Protein backbone atom coordinates (compact mmCIF):
# COMPACT_ATOMS: atom_id res chain seq x y z
CA MET A 1 -7.15 -26.40 23.34
CA ALA A 2 -10.76 -27.78 21.99
CA GLU A 3 -10.88 -27.69 18.16
CA LEU A 4 -11.27 -24.39 16.39
CA ARG A 5 -13.27 -24.32 13.05
CA ASN A 6 -11.23 -21.48 10.85
CA ARG A 7 -13.20 -19.45 8.19
CA GLN A 8 -10.98 -19.20 4.61
CA TRP A 9 -11.03 -17.38 1.49
CA LEU A 10 -9.19 -19.41 -1.05
CA LEU A 11 -7.93 -17.91 -4.12
CA GLU A 12 -9.76 -20.01 -6.69
CA LYS A 13 -9.41 -18.44 -10.14
CA ARG A 14 -6.55 -16.25 -11.71
CA PRO A 15 -8.47 -12.93 -12.25
CA HIS A 16 -8.95 -11.63 -16.12
CA GLY A 17 -9.20 -8.30 -15.92
CA MET A 18 -11.05 -6.50 -12.86
CA ILE A 19 -10.90 -8.81 -9.40
CA LYS A 20 -14.23 -10.76 -8.82
CA GLU A 21 -15.72 -12.40 -5.91
CA SER A 22 -15.92 -15.34 -8.02
CA ASP A 23 -12.39 -15.30 -8.11
CA PHE A 24 -12.14 -16.56 -4.47
CA ARG A 25 -13.82 -19.43 -2.90
CA TRP A 26 -15.52 -19.75 1.09
CA ASN A 27 -14.10 -22.99 2.78
CA GLU A 28 -14.28 -23.80 6.62
CA THR A 29 -12.26 -26.29 8.04
CA SER A 30 -10.62 -27.42 11.51
CA VAL A 31 -7.25 -25.30 12.80
CA PRO A 32 -4.50 -28.04 12.46
CA ALA A 33 -2.01 -28.87 15.70
CA LEU A 34 0.82 -26.67 16.28
CA LYS A 35 4.06 -28.39 15.84
CA ASP A 36 7.24 -27.37 17.57
CA GLY A 37 8.41 -23.77 16.45
CA GLN A 38 5.05 -22.83 15.40
CA VAL A 39 2.50 -20.49 16.81
CA LEU A 40 -1.31 -19.81 16.28
CA VAL A 41 -2.21 -16.48 15.75
CA ARG A 42 -5.93 -15.42 15.61
CA ASN A 43 -6.15 -12.57 12.91
CA LEU A 44 -7.23 -8.82 13.81
CA ALA A 45 -6.88 -6.88 10.72
CA PHE A 46 -5.60 -7.04 6.89
CA SER A 47 -4.15 -4.65 4.93
CA PHE A 48 -5.55 -4.58 1.24
CA ASP A 49 -2.91 -3.23 -1.05
CA PRO A 50 -2.70 -2.72 -5.39
CA THR A 51 -0.05 -5.29 -5.01
CA GLN A 52 -2.17 -8.11 -4.18
CA ARG A 53 -3.28 -7.92 -7.98
CA GLY A 54 -0.18 -9.23 -8.89
CA TRP A 55 0.26 -12.26 -6.39
CA MET A 56 -2.74 -13.65 -8.07
CA SER A 57 -1.69 -13.69 -11.31
CA MET A 58 1.94 -14.09 -11.80
CA ASP A 59 5.15 -14.43 -9.97
CA THR A 60 6.44 -11.09 -9.11
CA TYR A 61 8.69 -10.59 -6.12
CA MET A 62 7.23 -13.33 -4.70
CA PRO A 63 5.68 -16.70 -6.32
CA ALA A 64 2.11 -16.24 -7.17
CA ILE A 65 -0.49 -17.46 -4.82
CA PRO A 66 -1.19 -21.32 -5.54
CA LEU A 67 -4.90 -21.83 -6.92
CA GLY A 68 -6.54 -23.72 -3.69
CA GLN A 69 -4.25 -21.91 -0.82
CA THR A 70 -5.51 -19.14 1.28
CA MET A 71 -5.60 -15.38 -0.15
CA LYS A 72 -2.64 -13.51 1.47
CA ALA A 73 -2.64 -10.44 3.07
CA GLY A 74 0.08 -8.19 5.30
CA THR A 75 -1.95 -9.17 9.17
CA ILE A 76 -1.65 -8.28 12.50
CA GLY A 77 -3.21 -10.89 14.64
CA GLN A 78 -2.43 -11.95 18.06
CA VAL A 79 -0.99 -14.97 19.57
CA VAL A 80 -3.40 -17.95 20.51
CA GLU A 81 -1.14 -20.80 21.74
CA SER A 82 2.50 -21.00 20.89
CA LYS A 83 5.22 -23.45 20.32
CA ARG A 84 7.87 -21.27 19.36
CA GLU A 85 10.69 -20.13 21.93
CA GLY A 86 10.22 -15.70 22.37
CA PHE A 87 6.27 -15.87 21.19
CA ALA A 88 3.72 -16.15 24.21
CA LYS A 89 0.00 -16.26 24.48
CA GLY A 90 -1.29 -12.17 24.01
CA ASP A 91 1.55 -11.27 22.09
CA LEU A 92 0.58 -9.03 18.98
CA VAL A 93 2.23 -10.13 15.82
CA GLN A 94 2.60 -9.20 12.67
CA GLY A 95 3.30 -11.19 8.79
CA LEU A 96 1.88 -12.35 5.45
CA PHE A 97 -1.09 -14.50 6.68
CA GLY A 98 -4.02 -15.53 5.01
CA TRP A 99 -7.31 -14.71 4.50
CA GLU A 100 -8.76 -16.38 7.47
CA ASP A 101 -10.21 -16.56 11.23
CA TYR A 102 -6.87 -18.54 12.80
CA THR A 103 -3.16 -18.98 11.25
CA VAL A 104 -0.57 -21.31 12.08
CA ASN A 105 3.23 -19.29 11.19
CA GLY A 106 6.58 -20.57 11.91
CA GLY A 107 7.84 -17.61 10.75
CA GLU A 108 7.95 -18.89 7.17
CA GLY A 109 6.83 -16.38 4.10
CA LEU A 110 8.14 -12.91 2.86
CA MET A 111 7.41 -11.00 6.12
CA GLY A 112 8.19 -13.55 8.50
CA LEU A 113 6.88 -13.18 11.75
CA GLN A 114 7.41 -10.22 13.64
CA LYS A 115 6.64 -9.59 17.24
CA LEU A 116 5.06 -6.09 18.10
CA PRO A 117 5.53 -3.90 21.40
CA ARG A 118 2.87 -4.30 23.92
CA GLY A 119 0.17 -1.50 23.23
CA THR A 120 0.76 -1.30 19.47
CA ASP A 121 -2.23 -0.06 17.48
CA PRO A 122 -2.98 -2.61 15.28
CA ILE A 123 -5.12 -0.29 12.75
CA LEU A 124 -1.90 2.37 12.71
CA ALA A 125 0.64 -0.18 12.47
CA LEU A 126 -0.97 -1.60 9.24
CA SER A 127 -1.25 2.21 7.76
CA LEU A 128 0.42 4.88 8.39
CA LEU A 129 3.40 2.84 10.16
CA GLY A 130 3.11 -0.04 7.59
CA THR A 131 4.07 -1.06 4.26
CA THR A 132 2.75 1.31 2.74
CA GLY A 133 3.50 4.28 4.79
CA LEU A 134 7.34 2.94 4.80
CA THR A 135 7.07 3.00 0.62
CA ALA A 136 6.06 6.80 0.81
CA TYR A 137 8.90 7.46 3.62
CA PHE A 138 11.72 5.81 1.20
CA GLY A 139 10.25 6.45 -2.06
CA THR A 140 9.84 10.21 -1.20
CA LEU A 141 12.92 11.04 0.80
CA ALA A 142 15.76 8.40 -0.67
CA VAL A 143 14.41 7.86 -4.18
CA GLY A 144 12.61 11.12 -4.98
CA ALA A 145 15.59 13.01 -2.73
CA VAL A 146 12.96 15.80 -1.95
CA LYS A 147 14.69 18.84 -1.02
CA ALA A 148 12.87 22.45 0.18
CA GLY A 149 11.66 24.28 -2.57
CA ASP A 150 10.80 21.44 -5.30
CA THR A 151 7.76 21.06 -6.61
CA PHE A 152 6.62 17.69 -5.81
CA VAL A 153 3.52 16.01 -7.59
CA VAL A 154 1.82 12.89 -6.64
CA SER A 155 -0.52 10.89 -8.83
CA GLY A 156 -2.99 8.13 -6.55
CA ALA A 157 -2.61 11.34 -3.98
CA ALA A 158 -5.54 10.46 -1.74
CA GLY A 159 -4.51 6.62 -1.69
CA ALA A 160 -2.60 5.17 1.43
CA THR A 161 1.15 5.85 0.13
CA GLY A 162 0.12 8.78 -2.17
CA SER A 163 -1.50 10.88 0.81
CA VAL A 164 1.69 9.92 2.96
CA SER A 165 4.45 11.13 0.31
CA GLY A 166 2.89 14.11 -0.22
CA MET A 167 2.79 15.10 3.33
CA ILE A 168 6.32 13.92 3.76
CA ALA A 169 7.54 16.31 0.86
CA LYS A 170 5.58 19.39 2.68
CA ILE A 171 7.00 18.58 5.87
CA LYS A 172 10.57 19.12 3.76
CA GLY A 173 9.62 22.30 2.23
CA CYS A 174 8.18 21.51 -1.19
CA ARG A 175 5.34 22.52 -3.25
CA VAL A 176 3.06 19.58 -3.36
CA VAL A 177 0.29 18.73 -6.34
CA GLY A 178 -1.85 15.80 -5.68
CA ILE A 179 -3.82 14.01 -8.42
CA ALA A 180 -6.78 12.06 -6.96
CA GLY A 181 -10.08 10.87 -8.22
CA GLY A 182 -13.27 12.99 -6.92
CA ARG A 183 -14.21 16.31 -4.96
CA GLU A 184 -14.06 14.81 -1.87
CA LYS A 185 -10.87 13.45 -2.07
CA CYS A 186 -8.95 16.57 -3.59
CA ASP A 187 -10.34 18.72 -0.78
CA TRP A 188 -9.51 16.40 1.71
CA LEU A 189 -5.84 16.42 0.26
CA VAL A 190 -6.02 20.46 0.33
CA LYS A 191 -7.80 21.06 3.58
CA LYS A 192 -6.74 18.49 5.54
CA ALA A 193 -3.55 16.95 4.33
CA GLY A 194 -1.94 20.32 3.46
CA PHE A 195 -1.69 19.82 -0.05
CA ASP A 196 -0.86 23.08 -2.12
CA ALA A 197 -3.28 22.05 -5.07
CA ALA A 198 -5.32 18.81 -5.83
CA ILE A 199 -6.14 18.07 -9.33
CA ASP A 200 -9.65 15.80 -10.17
CA TYR A 201 -8.54 13.60 -12.90
CA LYS A 202 -12.20 12.52 -13.30
CA SER A 203 -13.01 16.06 -14.41
CA GLU A 204 -10.07 18.24 -15.26
CA LYS A 205 -7.90 17.36 -17.86
CA VAL A 206 -4.54 16.36 -16.23
CA GLY A 207 -1.87 18.00 -18.47
CA GLU A 208 -3.42 21.28 -18.42
CA ALA A 209 -4.06 21.57 -14.80
CA LEU A 210 -0.57 20.16 -14.18
CA THR A 211 0.75 23.22 -16.25
CA LYS A 212 -1.30 25.17 -14.32
CA HIS A 213 0.20 24.34 -10.92
CA CYS A 214 3.64 23.61 -11.91
CA PRO A 215 4.32 26.55 -13.88
CA GLN A 216 8.50 25.79 -13.35
CA GLY A 217 7.76 22.40 -14.24
CA ILE A 218 8.11 19.12 -11.67
CA ASN A 219 11.46 18.46 -9.39
CA VAL A 220 9.73 15.20 -8.27
CA TYR A 221 7.38 12.96 -9.71
CA PHE A 222 5.96 10.00 -7.34
CA ASP A 223 4.25 7.82 -9.57
CA ASN A 224 1.14 5.73 -8.21
CA VAL A 225 -0.71 4.80 -11.59
CA GLY A 226 1.11 4.72 -14.96
CA GLY A 227 -0.95 5.38 -18.20
CA GLU A 228 -1.75 8.42 -19.64
CA ILE A 229 -1.15 10.57 -16.39
CA LEU A 230 2.45 9.37 -15.79
CA ASP A 231 3.25 10.86 -19.72
CA ASP A 232 1.43 13.82 -18.56
CA ALA A 233 3.78 13.91 -15.84
CA LEU A 234 6.82 13.10 -17.84
CA ALA A 235 6.20 15.95 -20.20
CA ARG A 236 6.62 18.61 -17.69
CA LEU A 237 9.82 17.74 -15.73
CA ALA A 238 12.30 20.39 -14.89
CA ASN A 239 16.08 19.92 -15.16
CA GLY A 240 17.41 17.42 -13.18
CA ALA A 241 13.77 15.89 -12.16
CA ARG A 242 13.54 12.55 -10.55
CA VAL A 243 10.42 10.24 -11.13
CA VAL A 244 9.46 7.65 -8.57
CA LEU A 245 8.00 4.58 -9.82
CA CYS A 246 5.87 2.90 -7.02
CA GLY A 247 3.13 1.75 -8.79
CA ALA A 248 1.12 1.50 -11.89
CA ILE A 249 -2.70 0.58 -10.53
CA SER A 250 -3.82 1.44 -13.87
CA GLN A 251 -2.39 -1.18 -15.63
CA TYR A 252 -2.83 -4.09 -12.78
CA ASN A 253 -6.01 -5.27 -14.36
CA ASN A 254 -3.81 -6.48 -17.40
CA LEU A 255 -1.40 -8.57 -15.68
CA GLY A 256 -0.55 -11.91 -17.24
CA GLU A 257 -2.52 -11.10 -20.19
CA ARG A 258 -0.59 -8.24 -22.02
CA ASN A 259 2.36 -5.93 -21.43
CA PRO A 260 1.60 -3.00 -19.54
CA VAL A 261 1.32 0.64 -21.89
CA GLY A 262 4.82 2.08 -21.65
CA PRO A 263 5.57 5.95 -21.32
CA LYS A 264 5.31 8.07 -24.66
CA ASN A 265 7.39 10.85 -23.32
CA TYR A 266 10.47 9.13 -22.11
CA PHE A 267 12.46 11.00 -24.13
CA ASN A 268 12.29 14.06 -21.93
CA LEU A 269 14.03 12.36 -19.46
CA ILE A 270 17.19 12.77 -21.76
CA MET A 271 16.24 16.51 -22.89
CA GLN A 272 15.97 17.74 -18.59
CA HIS A 273 18.62 14.96 -17.49
CA ALA A 274 16.23 13.67 -15.26
CA ARG A 275 15.77 9.89 -14.06
CA MET A 276 13.38 7.53 -13.81
CA GLU A 277 13.75 4.85 -10.74
CA GLY A 278 11.42 2.01 -9.64
CA PHE A 279 12.03 0.31 -6.11
CA LEU A 280 10.17 -2.29 -3.68
CA VAL A 281 10.15 -0.83 0.00
CA PHE A 282 12.17 -4.36 1.20
CA HIS A 283 15.39 -2.78 -0.56
CA PHE A 284 15.14 -0.35 2.76
CA LEU A 285 14.10 -3.26 5.24
CA PRO A 286 17.49 -2.42 7.72
CA ARG A 287 15.98 1.08 7.69
CA TYR A 288 12.42 0.48 8.97
CA PRO A 289 13.45 1.69 12.46
CA GLU A 290 14.69 5.15 11.62
CA ALA A 291 11.55 5.48 9.13
CA ILE A 292 8.89 4.20 11.97
CA ALA A 293 10.73 6.69 14.62
CA GLU A 294 10.57 9.85 12.52
CA MET A 295 6.76 8.81 11.10
CA SER A 296 5.58 8.26 14.73
CA LYS A 297 7.04 11.77 15.64
CA TRP A 298 5.48 13.72 12.65
CA TYR A 299 2.14 11.69 13.75
CA ALA A 300 2.83 13.17 17.29
CA GLU A 301 3.06 16.23 15.98
CA GLY A 302 0.03 16.41 13.71
CA LYS A 303 1.88 16.82 10.84
CA LEU A 304 1.09 13.87 9.21
CA LYS A 305 -2.77 12.72 9.04
CA ASN A 306 -3.52 8.88 9.27
CA GLN A 307 -6.88 8.31 6.44
CA VAL A 308 -8.30 5.13 6.75
CA ASP A 309 -11.17 3.24 5.05
CA LEU A 310 -11.89 0.40 7.56
CA GLN A 311 -14.36 -2.47 6.10
CA GLN A 312 -15.47 -5.05 8.70
CA GLY A 313 -15.55 -8.62 8.45
CA LEU A 314 -13.86 -11.50 6.94
CA GLU A 315 -16.79 -12.43 4.84
CA ASN A 316 -16.42 -8.96 3.05
CA ALA A 317 -13.03 -9.71 2.01
CA PRO A 318 -13.29 -10.14 -1.56
CA LYS A 319 -15.67 -6.88 -1.76
CA THR A 320 -12.65 -5.03 0.21
CA ILE A 321 -10.01 -5.95 -2.23
CA ILE A 322 -12.28 -4.63 -5.04
CA ARG A 323 -12.79 -1.23 -3.63
CA LEU A 324 -8.88 -0.29 -4.18
CA PHE A 325 -9.74 -0.99 -8.29
CA THR A 326 -12.85 1.01 -8.41
CA GLY A 327 -11.46 3.88 -6.67
CA ALA A 328 -14.25 3.52 -4.17
CA ASN A 329 -11.14 3.49 -1.30
CA PHE A 330 -10.28 6.54 0.38
CA GLY A 331 -7.30 6.60 2.39
CA LYS A 332 -5.74 3.06 3.55
CA GLN A 333 -7.68 0.32 2.80
CA LEU A 334 -8.04 -2.35 5.83
CA LEU A 335 -10.52 -5.07 6.83
CA LYS A 336 -11.18 -5.49 10.57
CA LEU A 337 -11.93 -8.80 11.95
CA GLY A 338 -11.59 -7.92 15.98
CA ASP A 339 -9.74 -6.30 18.79
CA PRO A 340 -6.83 -7.87 20.65
CA GLN A 341 -7.94 -9.28 23.97
């Protein structure tokens, strides 16, 4: 093949506080020749998730990204050239790849190299049927153990995981209350996603609103934000409640600098015979096919909506990740580079 030029974003600095565009550096280089066992992938779309803030700062469930290497994201791409058995030109693949036009991969990385069925919609596969959708599925059903009649509350409710968790709880017969930022997002939750109520944390006192909308207490609280909102929910638990710790985006910009703020109202877990449990979606890897099949069915039936915030162009990758932490995104944050050929 003729030499291909590769545009990349490298991690230049460990972020302090809010992620800044200057934490990344633009680089252009040539694509290396393939070795046996590798494929060359043209990247089509990237997923942006709050957990990437941790990857930039410190070792988490994966080692911190080394300075000077490409920033990483869940990616769907198309094979351009293959020296790996079972992969051919034109195949759609998924993995944890760099912010770049082309990636050479031999199956390494947290997600490895997964071949997707022909005809897969890359946007759907990175959103509703991707990691965040699977997180919502297992967090709601396996960890939260929702059942009909439960009052289910979710924070970050207009985000990629929160919105899907609430819709799944609704499918299972729960009364669902979402906490989100801004009237537009709250209106969407009630009018489009089918939530019973939505609380705008920007204009309402969350604790008072929870008391109003959950007069019998909260049976399941799905937490994506941590901080004061977690405390508000802990203070209003029903007997036997389950608290699902999925994320704590309000604390992420302090990672690597000071310890996150812990909950003040944890004593209510004792008083209400409740439990609080954290999880990572990778714990449920063997059950992914089950989840994808069921969510695909619900999506086809119109019971699940796929709200996507789609940005365009590799040059906008730093701006796109920052959207997650300013609340600018509405739904699953993705960046599109191109279409399958």
